[in-house]
Protein backbone atom coordinates (compact mmCIF):
# COMPACT_ATOMS: atom_id res chain seq x y z
CA UNK A 1 0.00 0.00 0.00
CA UNK A 2 1.19 3.49 -0.82
CA UNK A 3 -0.24 6.96 -0.43
CA UNK A 4 2.63 8.82 -2.05
CA UNK A 5 2.30 12.41 -3.20
CA UNK A 6 5.88 12.60 -4.56
CA UNK A 7 6.75 11.41 -8.01
CA UNK A 8 5.68 -5.08 -7.37
CA UNK A 9 7.86 -8.74 -10.35
CA UNK A 10 8.97 -11.27 -12.49
CA UNK A 11 6.54 -12.60 -15.06
CA UNK A 12 7.83 -15.96 -16.31
CA UNK A 13 9.02 -14.61 -19.65
CA UNK A 14 11.90 -17.04 -19.87
CA UNK A 15 9.59 -19.93 -19.19
CA UNK A 16 7.17 -18.79 -21.88
CA UNK A 17 10.03 -18.33 -24.32
CA UNK A 18 11.32 -21.76 -23.49
CA UNK A 19 7.93 -23.32 -24.07
CA UNK A 20 7.65 -21.51 -27.40
CA UNK A 21 11.10 -22.70 -28.36
CA UNK A 22 10.17 -26.21 -27.38
CA UNK A 23 7.18 -26.14 -29.70
CA UNK A 24 9.27 -24.91 -32.62
CA UNK A 25 12.01 -27.48 -32.08
CA UNK A 26 9.67 -30.42 -31.48
CA UNK A 27 10.25 -33.15 -34.09
CA UNK A 28 7.37 -34.68 -35.97
CA UNK A 29 6.80 -38.39 -35.34
CA UNK A 30 7.87 -40.38 -38.40
CA UNK A 31 5.31 -42.71 -39.98
CA UNK A 32 5.55 -46.37 -39.03
CA UNK A 33 7.86 -48.47 -41.19
CA UNK A 34 6.22 -51.05 -43.49
CA UNK A 35 5.87 -54.49 -41.93
CA UNK A 36 8.09 -56.06 -44.53
CA UNK A 37 10.92 -53.59 -43.96
CA UNK A 38 14.04 -54.81 -42.27
CA UNK A 39 14.77 -53.78 -38.71
CA UNK A 40 15.52 -50.06 -38.58
CA UNK A 41 18.04 -48.26 -36.44
CA UNK A 42 15.86 -45.11 -36.48
CA UNK A 43 15.37 -43.68 -32.94
CA UNK A 44 11.82 -42.64 -32.19
CA UNK A 45 11.46 -38.98 -31.10
CA UNK A 46 9.68 -37.92 -27.95
CA UNK A 47 5.96 -38.62 -27.82
CA UNK A 48 3.52 -35.86 -28.67
CA UNK A 49 2.87 -33.67 -25.61
CA UNK A 50 6.45 -34.05 -24.35
CA UNK A 51 8.30 -31.15 -26.02
CA UNK A 52 12.04 -31.13 -26.13
CA UNK A 53 14.03 -28.51 -24.27
CA UNK A 54 15.79 -25.77 -26.27
CA UNK A 55 19.40 -26.55 -27.22
CA UNK A 56 21.69 -26.37 -24.20
CA UNK A 57 18.83 -26.28 -21.67
CA UNK A 58 18.45 -28.71 -18.79
CA UNK A 59 15.41 -29.67 -16.76
CA UNK A 60 16.91 -27.61 -13.92
CA UNK A 61 16.91 -24.53 -16.18
CA UNK A 62 13.22 -24.98 -16.94
CA UNK A 63 12.39 -25.57 -13.28
CA UNK A 64 14.28 -22.38 -12.34
CA UNK A 65 12.18 -20.37 -14.81
CA UNK A 66 8.95 -21.85 -13.51
CA UNK A 67 9.94 -21.19 -9.89
CA UNK A 68 10.75 -17.59 -10.78
CA UNK A 69 7.16 -17.00 -11.86
CA UNK A 70 5.34 -18.92 -9.11
CA UNK A 71 3.73 -16.87 -6.29
CA UNK A 72 4.79 -17.88 -2.79
CA UNK A 73 4.52 -16.93 0.87
CA UNK A 74 5.83 -13.39 0.30
CA UNK A 75 3.14 -12.73 -2.31
CA UNK A 76 0.51 -14.04 0.09
CA UNK A 77 1.82 -11.64 2.71
CA UNK A 78 1.34 -8.69 0.35
CA UNK A 79 -2.16 -9.94 -0.51
CA UNK A 80 -3.19 -9.40 3.12
CA UNK A 81 -3.79 -5.76 2.19
CA UNK A 82 -6.38 -6.51 -0.50
CA UNK A 83 -9.59 -4.54 0.08
CA UNK A 84 -11.03 -1.03 0.28
CA UNK A 85 -9.29 1.36 2.67
CA UNK A 86 -10.21 4.85 3.81
CA UNK A 87 -9.08 7.32 6.43
CA UNK A 88 -7.31 10.61 7.02
CA UNK A 89 -3.91 11.97 6.12
CA UNK A 90 -1.67 14.72 7.46
CA UNK A 91 0.94 16.25 5.15
CA UNK A 92 3.85 18.61 5.63
CA UNK A 93 5.38 20.45 2.67
CA UNK A 94 8.64 21.20 4.52
CA UNK A 95 10.08 20.98 8.05
CA UNK A 96 8.27 23.23 10.49
CA UNK A 97 5.36 24.02 8.17
CA UNK A 98 1.69 23.86 9.15
CA UNK A 99 0.15 20.42 8.67
CA UNK A 100 -2.45 19.94 5.94
CA UNK A 101 -5.25 17.45 6.60
CA UNK A 102 -7.48 15.63 4.12
CA UNK A 103 -9.45 12.43 3.54
CA UNK A 104 -8.12 9.49 1.53
CA UNK A 105 -9.33 6.23 0.05
CA UNK A 106 -7.53 3.32 -1.55
CA UNK A 107 -8.51 0.14 -3.35
CA UNK A 108 -5.97 -2.69 -3.28
CA UNK A 109 -6.47 -5.72 -5.51
CA UNK A 110 -4.61 -8.84 -6.54
CA UNK A 111 -2.92 -8.49 -9.94
CA UNK A 112 -1.58 -11.01 -12.48
CA UNK A 113 -2.84 -14.09 -10.67
CA UNK A 114 -1.44 -13.16 -7.27
CA UNK A 115 2.04 -12.14 -8.39
CA UNK A 116 1.49 -8.47 -7.50
CA UNK A 117 -0.88 -6.21 -5.63
CA UNK A 118 -2.28 -3.10 -7.29
CA UNK A 119 -2.98 0.00 -5.21
CA UNK A 120 -5.25 2.72 -6.63
CA UNK A 121 -5.44 5.84 -4.51
CA UNK A 122 -7.77 8.84 -4.56
CA UNK A 123 -7.66 11.91 -2.38
CA UNK A 124 -7.05 15.61 -2.40
CA UNK A 125 -4.04 17.79 -1.71
CA UNK A 126 -5.23 20.93 0.10
CA UNK A 127 -4.85 23.92 -2.18
CA UNK A 128 -3.82 21.80 -5.16
CA UNK A 129 -6.89 19.75 -6.01
CA UNK A 130 -7.65 16.05 -6.60
CA UNK A 131 -4.89 13.50 -6.36
CA UNK A 132 -4.79 10.11 -8.08
CA UNK A 133 -2.05 7.52 -7.97
CA UNK A 134 -1.41 3.87 -8.69
CA UNK A 135 1.28 1.51 -7.46
CA UNK A 136 2.28 -2.13 -7.79
CA UNK A 137 3.96 -4.19 -5.08
CA UNK A 138 5.57 -7.58 -5.56
CA UNK A 139 8.28 -9.96 -4.52
CA UNK A 140 11.03 -10.88 -6.98
CA UNK A 141 11.69 -14.59 -6.49
CA UNK A 142 15.02 -14.40 -8.30
CA UNK A 143 16.41 -11.28 -6.60
CA UNK A 144 14.72 -12.38 -3.34
CA UNK A 145 13.45 -8.94 -2.39
CA UNK A 146 10.20 -6.97 -2.23
CA UNK A 147 9.85 -4.50 -5.09
CA UNK A 148 7.49 -1.63 -5.89
CA UNK A 149 6.70 1.07 -8.41
CA UNK A 150 4.51 4.17 -8.04
CA UNK A 151 3.16 6.83 -10.40
CA UNK A 152 0.63 9.62 -9.93
CA UNK A 153 -0.83 12.81 -11.36
CA UNK A 154 1.66 15.02 -9.51
CA UNK A 155 4.54 14.16 -11.81
CA UNK A 156 5.63 12.38 -14.97
CA UNK A 157 8.22 10.10 -13.42
CA UNK A 158 7.98 6.63 -11.94
CA UNK A 159 9.23 5.93 -8.43
CA UNK A 160 10.93 2.58 -7.87
CA UNK A 161 11.49 1.00 -4.50
CA UNK A 162 12.56 -2.01 -2.49
CA UNK A 163 11.03 -3.21 0.73
CA UNK A 164 12.02 -5.00 3.90
CA UNK A 165 9.49 -6.79 6.06
CA UNK A 166 9.84 -7.21 9.82
CA UNK A 167 10.12 -10.69 11.30
CA UNK A 168 6.56 -10.58 12.65
CA UNK A 169 5.18 -9.44 9.29
CA UNK A 170 3.53 -6.35 10.78
CA UNK A 171 5.87 -3.68 9.41
CA UNK A 172 7.07 -3.04 5.89
CA UNK A 173 9.72 -0.42 5.21
CA UNK A 174 10.04 0.81 1.63
CA UNK A 175 12.91 2.87 0.23
CA UNK A 176 12.08 4.68 -3.02
CA UNK A 177 14.13 6.60 -5.52
CA UNK A 178 12.74 9.47 -7.56
CA UNK A 179 13.86 12.53 -9.51
CA UNK A 180 13.48 15.65 -7.37
CA UNK A 181 12.04 18.57 -9.41
CA UNK A 182 13.86 21.11 -7.23
CA UNK A 183 17.37 19.63 -7.02
CA UNK A 184 17.09 17.89 -10.42
CA UNK A 185 18.82 14.91 -8.80
CA UNK A 186 17.87 11.45 -7.63
CA UNK A 187 16.49 11.48 -4.10
CA UNK A 188 15.34 8.78 -1.71
CA UNK A 189 12.15 8.58 0.28
CA UNK A 190 11.32 6.16 3.09
CA UNK A 191 7.86 4.82 3.80
CA UNK A 192 6.92 2.73 6.83
CA UNK A 193 3.68 0.72 6.85
CA UNK A 194 2.55 -0.68 10.19
CA UNK A 195 -0.40 -2.97 10.79
CA UNK A 196 -2.12 -1.76 13.97
CA UNK A 197 -4.97 -4.26 13.74
CA UNK A 198 -6.48 -6.83 11.40
CA UNK A 199 -8.09 -4.03 9.39
CA UNK A 200 -6.10 -0.98 10.44
CA UNK A 201 -2.81 0.47 9.28
CA UNK A 202 -0.61 3.52 9.80
CA UNK A 203 1.64 4.76 7.00
CA UNK A 204 4.41 7.29 7.55
CA UNK A 205 6.57 8.86 4.86
CA UNK A 206 9.96 10.51 5.35
CA UNK A 207 12.03 12.41 2.83
CA UNK A 208 14.89 14.88 2.61
CA UNK A 209 14.10 18.58 2.53
CA UNK A 210 15.50 19.78 -0.85
CA UNK A 211 16.76 23.01 0.75
CA UNK A 212 18.43 21.77 3.93
CA UNK A 213 18.99 18.14 2.96
CA UNK A 214 17.64 17.00 6.33
CA UNK A 215 15.09 14.22 6.63
CA UNK A 216 11.64 15.16 7.88
CA UNK A 217 8.21 13.55 8.07
CA UNK A 218 6.25 14.29 4.90
CA UNK A 219 3.04 12.43 5.63
CA UNK A 220 1.12 10.30 8.09
CA UNK A 221 -1.93 8.25 7.10
CA UNK A 222 -4.31 6.37 9.37
CA UNK A 223 -6.57 4.02 7.42
CA UNK A 224 -9.04 1.22 8.08
CA UNK A 225 -10.37 -1.48 5.80
CA UNK A 226 -14.07 -1.79 5.13
CA UNK A 227 -15.65 -5.11 6.01
CA UNK A 228 -17.04 -7.10 3.05
C-alpha atoms as a PDB file:
ATOM      1  CA  UNK A   1       0.000   0.000   0.000  1.00  0.00           C
ATOM      2  CA  UNK A   2       1.194   3.486  -0.821  1.00  0.00           C
ATOM      3  CA  UNK A   3      -0.240   6.964  -0.429  1.00  0.00           C
ATOM      4  CA  UNK A   4       2.630   8.818  -2.053  1.00  0.00           C
ATOM      5  CA  UNK A   5       2.304  12.406  -3.204  1.00  0.00           C
ATOM      6  CA  UNK A   6       5.877  12.597  -4.563  1.00  0.00           C
ATOM      7  CA  UNK A   7       6.748  11.415  -8.012  1.00  0.00           C
ATOM      8  CA  UNK A   8       5.684  -5.078  -7.374  1.00  0.00           C
ATOM      9  CA  UNK A   9       7.859  -8.737 -10.347  1.00  0.00           C
ATOM     10  CA  UNK A  10       8.972 -11.273 -12.486  1.00  0.00           C
ATOM     11  CA  UNK A  11       6.542 -12.602 -15.063  1.00  0.00           C
ATOM     12  CA  UNK A  12       7.832 -15.962 -16.308  1.00  0.00           C
ATOM     13  CA  UNK A  13       9.017 -14.613 -19.652  1.00  0.00           C
ATOM     14  CA  UNK A  14      11.904 -17.044 -19.865  1.00  0.00           C
ATOM     15  CA  UNK A  15       9.586 -19.932 -19.193  1.00  0.00           C
ATOM     16  CA  UNK A  16       7.173 -18.791 -21.875  1.00  0.00           C
ATOM     17  CA  UNK A  17      10.031 -18.328 -24.316  1.00  0.00           C
ATOM     18  CA  UNK A  18      11.322 -21.761 -23.494  1.00  0.00           C
ATOM     19  CA  UNK A  19       7.933 -23.320 -24.073  1.00  0.00           C
ATOM     20  CA  UNK A  20       7.651 -21.510 -27.400  1.00  0.00           C
ATOM     21  CA  UNK A  21      11.104 -22.702 -28.362  1.00  0.00           C
ATOM     22  CA  UNK A  22      10.166 -26.206 -27.375  1.00  0.00           C
ATOM     23  CA  UNK A  23       7.178 -26.136 -29.703  1.00  0.00           C
ATOM     24  CA  UNK A  24       9.265 -24.911 -32.624  1.00  0.00           C
ATOM     25  CA  UNK A  25      12.009 -27.478 -32.082  1.00  0.00           C
ATOM     26  CA  UNK A  26       9.672 -30.416 -31.483  1.00  0.00           C
ATOM     27  CA  UNK A  27      10.247 -33.154 -34.090  1.00  0.00           C
ATOM     28  CA  UNK A  28       7.369 -34.682 -35.974  1.00  0.00           C
ATOM     29  CA  UNK A  29       6.799 -38.386 -35.344  1.00  0.00           C
ATOM     30  CA  UNK A  30       7.873 -40.382 -38.396  1.00  0.00           C
ATOM     31  CA  UNK A  31       5.306 -42.711 -39.977  1.00  0.00           C
ATOM     32  CA  UNK A  32       5.553 -46.369 -39.025  1.00  0.00           C
ATOM     33  CA  UNK A  33       7.858 -48.469 -41.195  1.00  0.00           C
ATOM     34  CA  UNK A  34       6.218 -51.051 -43.487  1.00  0.00           C
ATOM     35  CA  UNK A  35       5.871 -54.491 -41.930  1.00  0.00           C
ATOM     36  CA  UNK A  36       8.094 -56.056 -44.530  1.00  0.00           C
ATOM     37  CA  UNK A  37      10.922 -53.592 -43.962  1.00  0.00           C
ATOM     38  CA  UNK A  38      14.040 -54.805 -42.273  1.00  0.00           C
ATOM     39  CA  UNK A  39      14.770 -53.777 -38.709  1.00  0.00           C
ATOM     40  CA  UNK A  40      15.518 -50.056 -38.580  1.00  0.00           C
ATOM     41  CA  UNK A  41      18.040 -48.264 -36.444  1.00  0.00           C
ATOM     42  CA  UNK A  42      15.857 -45.115 -36.479  1.00  0.00           C
ATOM     43  CA  UNK A  43      15.373 -43.682 -32.938  1.00  0.00           C
ATOM     44  CA  UNK A  44      11.817 -42.637 -32.193  1.00  0.00           C
ATOM     45  CA  UNK A  45      11.457 -38.984 -31.097  1.00  0.00           C
ATOM     46  CA  UNK A  46       9.678 -37.923 -27.947  1.00  0.00           C
ATOM     47  CA  UNK A  47       5.955 -38.620 -27.821  1.00  0.00           C
ATOM     48  CA  UNK A  48       3.522 -35.861 -28.672  1.00  0.00           C
ATOM     49  CA  UNK A  49       2.873 -33.674 -25.610  1.00  0.00           C
ATOM     50  CA  UNK A  50       6.449 -34.049 -24.349  1.00  0.00           C
ATOM     51  CA  UNK A  51       8.297 -31.150 -26.017  1.00  0.00           C
ATOM     52  CA  UNK A  52      12.039 -31.127 -26.132  1.00  0.00           C
ATOM     53  CA  UNK A  53      14.027 -28.508 -24.270  1.00  0.00           C
ATOM     54  CA  UNK A  54      15.792 -25.770 -26.272  1.00  0.00           C
ATOM     55  CA  UNK A  55      19.395 -26.550 -27.223  1.00  0.00           C
ATOM     56  CA  UNK A  56      21.692 -26.372 -24.204  1.00  0.00           C
ATOM     57  CA  UNK A  57      18.826 -26.277 -21.672  1.00  0.00           C
ATOM     58  CA  UNK A  58      18.455 -28.714 -18.793  1.00  0.00           C
ATOM     59  CA  UNK A  59      15.412 -29.671 -16.756  1.00  0.00           C
ATOM     60  CA  UNK A  60      16.914 -27.609 -13.924  1.00  0.00           C
ATOM     61  CA  UNK A  61      16.911 -24.533 -16.183  1.00  0.00           C
ATOM     62  CA  UNK A  62      13.222 -24.983 -16.937  1.00  0.00           C
ATOM     63  CA  UNK A  63      12.392 -25.567 -13.278  1.00  0.00           C
ATOM     64  CA  UNK A  64      14.276 -22.382 -12.340  1.00  0.00           C
ATOM     65  CA  UNK A  65      12.183 -20.375 -14.811  1.00  0.00           C
ATOM     66  CA  UNK A  66       8.949 -21.854 -13.509  1.00  0.00           C
ATOM     67  CA  UNK A  67       9.940 -21.191  -9.886  1.00  0.00           C
ATOM     68  CA  UNK A  68      10.751 -17.587 -10.776  1.00  0.00           C
ATOM     69  CA  UNK A  69       7.160 -16.999 -11.856  1.00  0.00           C
ATOM     70  CA  UNK A  70       5.344 -18.917  -9.113  1.00  0.00           C
ATOM     71  CA  UNK A  71       3.730 -16.868  -6.287  1.00  0.00           C
ATOM     72  CA  UNK A  72       4.789 -17.878  -2.788  1.00  0.00           C
ATOM     73  CA  UNK A  73       4.518 -16.925   0.873  1.00  0.00           C
ATOM     74  CA  UNK A  74       5.825 -13.387   0.300  1.00  0.00           C
ATOM     75  CA  UNK A  75       3.142 -12.734  -2.308  1.00  0.00           C
ATOM     76  CA  UNK A  76       0.512 -14.044   0.092  1.00  0.00           C
ATOM     77  CA  UNK A  77       1.821 -11.638   2.711  1.00  0.00           C
ATOM     78  CA  UNK A  78       1.336  -8.695   0.352  1.00  0.00           C
ATOM     79  CA  UNK A  79      -2.158  -9.943  -0.506  1.00  0.00           C
ATOM     80  CA  UNK A  80      -3.192  -9.402   3.117  1.00  0.00           C
ATOM     81  CA  UNK A  81      -3.787  -5.761   2.191  1.00  0.00           C
ATOM     82  CA  UNK A  82      -6.383  -6.505  -0.503  1.00  0.00           C
ATOM     83  CA  UNK A  83      -9.591  -4.539   0.084  1.00  0.00           C
ATOM     84  CA  UNK A  84     -11.031  -1.030   0.282  1.00  0.00           C
ATOM     85  CA  UNK A  85      -9.290   1.357   2.675  1.00  0.00           C
ATOM     86  CA  UNK A  86     -10.214   4.853   3.814  1.00  0.00           C
ATOM     87  CA  UNK A  87      -9.080   7.317   6.429  1.00  0.00           C
ATOM     88  CA  UNK A  88      -7.308  10.606   7.016  1.00  0.00           C
ATOM     89  CA  UNK A  89      -3.912  11.970   6.124  1.00  0.00           C
ATOM     90  CA  UNK A  90      -1.673  14.721   7.460  1.00  0.00           C
ATOM     91  CA  UNK A  91       0.940  16.248   5.145  1.00  0.00           C
ATOM     92  CA  UNK A  92       3.851  18.605   5.633  1.00  0.00           C
ATOM     93  CA  UNK A  93       5.382  20.454   2.672  1.00  0.00           C
ATOM     94  CA  UNK A  94       8.636  21.197   4.519  1.00  0.00           C
ATOM     95  CA  UNK A  95      10.084  20.978   8.046  1.00  0.00           C
ATOM     96  CA  UNK A  96       8.273  23.229  10.487  1.00  0.00           C
ATOM     97  CA  UNK A  97       5.357  24.020   8.173  1.00  0.00           C
ATOM     98  CA  UNK A  98       1.685  23.863   9.154  1.00  0.00           C
ATOM     99  CA  UNK A  99       0.149  20.419   8.672  1.00  0.00           C
ATOM    100  CA  UNK A 100      -2.454  19.937   5.937  1.00  0.00           C
ATOM    101  CA  UNK A 101      -5.247  17.447   6.599  1.00  0.00           C
ATOM    102  CA  UNK A 102      -7.477  15.634   4.120  1.00  0.00           C
ATOM    103  CA  UNK A 103      -9.448  12.434   3.539  1.00  0.00           C
ATOM    104  CA  UNK A 104      -8.121   9.491   1.530  1.00  0.00           C
ATOM    105  CA  UNK A 105      -9.329   6.230   0.048  1.00  0.00           C
ATOM    106  CA  UNK A 106      -7.529   3.324  -1.555  1.00  0.00           C
ATOM    107  CA  UNK A 107      -8.513   0.136  -3.353  1.00  0.00           C
ATOM    108  CA  UNK A 108      -5.974  -2.693  -3.280  1.00  0.00           C
ATOM    109  CA  UNK A 109      -6.474  -5.724  -5.507  1.00  0.00           C
ATOM    110  CA  UNK A 110      -4.606  -8.842  -6.544  1.00  0.00           C
ATOM    111  CA  UNK A 111      -2.917  -8.487  -9.939  1.00  0.00           C
ATOM    112  CA  UNK A 112      -1.583 -11.008 -12.479  1.00  0.00           C
ATOM    113  CA  UNK A 113      -2.840 -14.091 -10.669  1.00  0.00           C
ATOM    114  CA  UNK A 114      -1.444 -13.165  -7.265  1.00  0.00           C
ATOM    115  CA  UNK A 115       2.040 -12.141  -8.387  1.00  0.00           C
ATOM    116  CA  UNK A 116       1.486  -8.472  -7.496  1.00  0.00           C
ATOM    117  CA  UNK A 117      -0.884  -6.207  -5.630  1.00  0.00           C
ATOM    118  CA  UNK A 118      -2.277  -3.102  -7.292  1.00  0.00           C
ATOM    119  CA  UNK A 119      -2.982   0.000  -5.207  1.00  0.00           C
ATOM    120  CA  UNK A 120      -5.255   2.716  -6.629  1.00  0.00           C
ATOM    121  CA  UNK A 121      -5.441   5.840  -4.515  1.00  0.00           C
ATOM    122  CA  UNK A 122      -7.770   8.839  -4.564  1.00  0.00           C
ATOM    123  CA  UNK A 123      -7.657  11.910  -2.377  1.00  0.00           C
ATOM    124  CA  UNK A 124      -7.054  15.615  -2.399  1.00  0.00           C
ATOM    125  CA  UNK A 125      -4.039  17.789  -1.707  1.00  0.00           C
ATOM    126  CA  UNK A 126      -5.235  20.928   0.095  1.00  0.00           C
ATOM    127  CA  UNK A 127      -4.854  23.917  -2.175  1.00  0.00           C
ATOM    128  CA  UNK A 128      -3.816  21.803  -5.155  1.00  0.00           C
ATOM    129  CA  UNK A 129      -6.888  19.747  -6.007  1.00  0.00           C
ATOM    130  CA  UNK A 130      -7.653  16.051  -6.596  1.00  0.00           C
ATOM    131  CA  UNK A 131      -4.892  13.503  -6.360  1.00  0.00           C
ATOM    132  CA  UNK A 132      -4.789  10.113  -8.083  1.00  0.00           C
ATOM    133  CA  UNK A 133      -2.047   7.516  -7.966  1.00  0.00           C
ATOM    134  CA  UNK A 134      -1.411   3.872  -8.688  1.00  0.00           C
ATOM    135  CA  UNK A 135       1.279   1.514  -7.460  1.00  0.00           C
ATOM    136  CA  UNK A 136       2.284  -2.131  -7.792  1.00  0.00           C
ATOM    137  CA  UNK A 137       3.961  -4.192  -5.084  1.00  0.00           C
ATOM    138  CA  UNK A 138       5.565  -7.580  -5.563  1.00  0.00           C
ATOM    139  CA  UNK A 139       8.276  -9.964  -4.525  1.00  0.00           C
ATOM    140  CA  UNK A 140      11.033 -10.883  -6.976  1.00  0.00           C
ATOM    141  CA  UNK A 141      11.693 -14.592  -6.488  1.00  0.00           C
ATOM    142  CA  UNK A 142      15.018 -14.397  -8.297  1.00  0.00           C
ATOM    143  CA  UNK A 143      16.405 -11.278  -6.601  1.00  0.00           C
ATOM    144  CA  UNK A 144      14.718 -12.379  -3.342  1.00  0.00           C
ATOM    145  CA  UNK A 145      13.449  -8.939  -2.393  1.00  0.00           C
ATOM    146  CA  UNK A 146      10.203  -6.967  -2.231  1.00  0.00           C
ATOM    147  CA  UNK A 147       9.846  -4.503  -5.089  1.00  0.00           C
ATOM    148  CA  UNK A 148       7.493  -1.635  -5.886  1.00  0.00           C
ATOM    149  CA  UNK A 149       6.696   1.074  -8.414  1.00  0.00           C
ATOM    150  CA  UNK A 150       4.514   4.166  -8.037  1.00  0.00           C
ATOM    151  CA  UNK A 151       3.164   6.828 -10.403  1.00  0.00           C
ATOM    152  CA  UNK A 152       0.631   9.615  -9.931  1.00  0.00           C
ATOM    153  CA  UNK A 153      -0.834  12.809 -11.364  1.00  0.00           C
ATOM    154  CA  UNK A 154       1.658  15.022  -9.505  1.00  0.00           C
ATOM    155  CA  UNK A 155       4.535  14.161 -11.813  1.00  0.00           C
ATOM    156  CA  UNK A 156       5.631  12.385 -14.965  1.00  0.00           C
ATOM    157  CA  UNK A 157       8.220  10.104 -13.423  1.00  0.00           C
ATOM    158  CA  UNK A 158       7.983   6.630 -11.939  1.00  0.00           C
ATOM    159  CA  UNK A 159       9.225   5.931  -8.427  1.00  0.00           C
ATOM    160  CA  UNK A 160      10.926   2.581  -7.871  1.00  0.00           C
ATOM    161  CA  UNK A 161      11.487   0.996  -4.497  1.00  0.00           C
ATOM    162  CA  UNK A 162      12.561  -2.008  -2.490  1.00  0.00           C
ATOM    163  CA  UNK A 163      11.027  -3.205   0.734  1.00  0.00           C
ATOM    164  CA  UNK A 164      12.019  -4.998   3.900  1.00  0.00           C
ATOM    165  CA  UNK A 165       9.491  -6.792   6.065  1.00  0.00           C
ATOM    166  CA  UNK A 166       9.836  -7.207   9.816  1.00  0.00           C
ATOM    167  CA  UNK A 167      10.125 -10.695  11.299  1.00  0.00           C
ATOM    168  CA  UNK A 168       6.561 -10.584  12.652  1.00  0.00           C
ATOM    169  CA  UNK A 169       5.178  -9.438   9.293  1.00  0.00           C
ATOM    170  CA  UNK A 170       3.525  -6.352  10.777  1.00  0.00           C
ATOM    171  CA  UNK A 171       5.867  -3.681   9.414  1.00  0.00           C
ATOM    172  CA  UNK A 172       7.072  -3.038   5.887  1.00  0.00           C
ATOM    173  CA  UNK A 173       9.721  -0.422   5.213  1.00  0.00           C
ATOM    174  CA  UNK A 174      10.040   0.809   1.626  1.00  0.00           C
ATOM    175  CA  UNK A 175      12.905   2.875   0.231  1.00  0.00           C
ATOM    176  CA  UNK A 176      12.077   4.676  -3.015  1.00  0.00           C
ATOM    177  CA  UNK A 177      14.131   6.598  -5.524  1.00  0.00           C
ATOM    178  CA  UNK A 178      12.737   9.469  -7.564  1.00  0.00           C
ATOM    179  CA  UNK A 179      13.858  12.526  -9.513  1.00  0.00           C
ATOM    180  CA  UNK A 180      13.480  15.652  -7.374  1.00  0.00           C
ATOM    181  CA  UNK A 181      12.037  18.570  -9.412  1.00  0.00           C
ATOM    182  CA  UNK A 182      13.856  21.111  -7.229  1.00  0.00           C
ATOM    183  CA  UNK A 183      17.369  19.632  -7.016  1.00  0.00           C
ATOM    184  CA  UNK A 184      17.092  17.887 -10.422  1.00  0.00           C
ATOM    185  CA  UNK A 185      18.824  14.910  -8.797  1.00  0.00           C
ATOM    186  CA  UNK A 186      17.870  11.450  -7.634  1.00  0.00           C
ATOM    187  CA  UNK A 187      16.493  11.479  -4.102  1.00  0.00           C
ATOM    188  CA  UNK A 188      15.342   8.779  -1.712  1.00  0.00           C
ATOM    189  CA  UNK A 189      12.148   8.576   0.281  1.00  0.00           C
ATOM    190  CA  UNK A 190      11.324   6.160   3.092  1.00  0.00           C
ATOM    191  CA  UNK A 191       7.858   4.817   3.804  1.00  0.00           C
ATOM    192  CA  UNK A 192       6.920   2.727   6.827  1.00  0.00           C
ATOM    193  CA  UNK A 193       3.682   0.721   6.848  1.00  0.00           C
ATOM    194  CA  UNK A 194       2.550  -0.682  10.190  1.00  0.00           C
ATOM    195  CA  UNK A 195      -0.400  -2.970  10.791  1.00  0.00           C
ATOM    196  CA  UNK A 196      -2.117  -1.757  13.968  1.00  0.00           C
ATOM    197  CA  UNK A 197      -4.970  -4.262  13.736  1.00  0.00           C
ATOM    198  CA  UNK A 198      -6.481  -6.834  11.400  1.00  0.00           C
ATOM    199  CA  UNK A 199      -8.094  -4.030   9.390  1.00  0.00           C
ATOM    200  CA  UNK A 200      -6.098  -0.983  10.441  1.00  0.00           C
ATOM    201  CA  UNK A 201      -2.809   0.474   9.282  1.00  0.00           C
ATOM    202  CA  UNK A 202      -0.606   3.522   9.797  1.00  0.00           C
ATOM    203  CA  UNK A 203       1.644   4.762   7.000  1.00  0.00           C
ATOM    204  CA  UNK A 204       4.413   7.288   7.551  1.00  0.00           C
ATOM    205  CA  UNK A 205       6.574   8.865   4.856  1.00  0.00           C
ATOM    206  CA  UNK A 206       9.959  10.505   5.353  1.00  0.00           C
ATOM    207  CA  UNK A 207      12.029  12.411   2.830  1.00  0.00           C
ATOM    208  CA  UNK A 208      14.887  14.877   2.606  1.00  0.00           C
ATOM    209  CA  UNK A 209      14.102  18.577   2.530  1.00  0.00           C
ATOM    210  CA  UNK A 210      15.504  19.780  -0.850  1.00  0.00           C
ATOM    211  CA  UNK A 211      16.758  23.011   0.750  1.00  0.00           C
ATOM    212  CA  UNK A 212      18.433  21.766   3.927  1.00  0.00           C
ATOM    213  CA  UNK A 213      18.994  18.138   2.965  1.00  0.00           C
ATOM    214  CA  UNK A 214      17.639  17.002   6.330  1.00  0.00           C
ATOM    215  CA  UNK A 215      15.093  14.216   6.632  1.00  0.00           C
ATOM    216  CA  UNK A 216      11.643  15.157   7.880  1.00  0.00           C
ATOM    217  CA  UNK A 217       8.209  13.555   8.072  1.00  0.00           C
ATOM    218  CA  UNK A 218       6.253  14.287   4.901  1.00  0.00           C
ATOM    219  CA  UNK A 219       3.037  12.430   5.627  1.00  0.00           C
ATOM    220  CA  UNK A 220       1.117  10.302   8.095  1.00  0.00           C
ATOM    221  CA  UNK A 221      -1.933   8.247   7.105  1.00  0.00           C
ATOM    222  CA  UNK A 222      -4.307   6.366   9.368  1.00  0.00           C
ATOM    223  CA  UNK A 223      -6.572   4.022   7.423  1.00  0.00           C
ATOM    224  CA  UNK A 224      -9.037   1.219   8.075  1.00  0.00           C
ATOM    225  CA  UNK A 225     -10.365  -1.478   5.797  1.00  0.00           C
ATOM    226  CA  UNK A 226     -14.075  -1.789   5.129  1.00  0.00           C
ATOM    227  CA  UNK A 227     -15.647  -5.105   6.008  1.00  0.00           C
ATOM    228  CA  UNK A 228     -17.036  -7.104   3.047  1.00  0.00           C
END
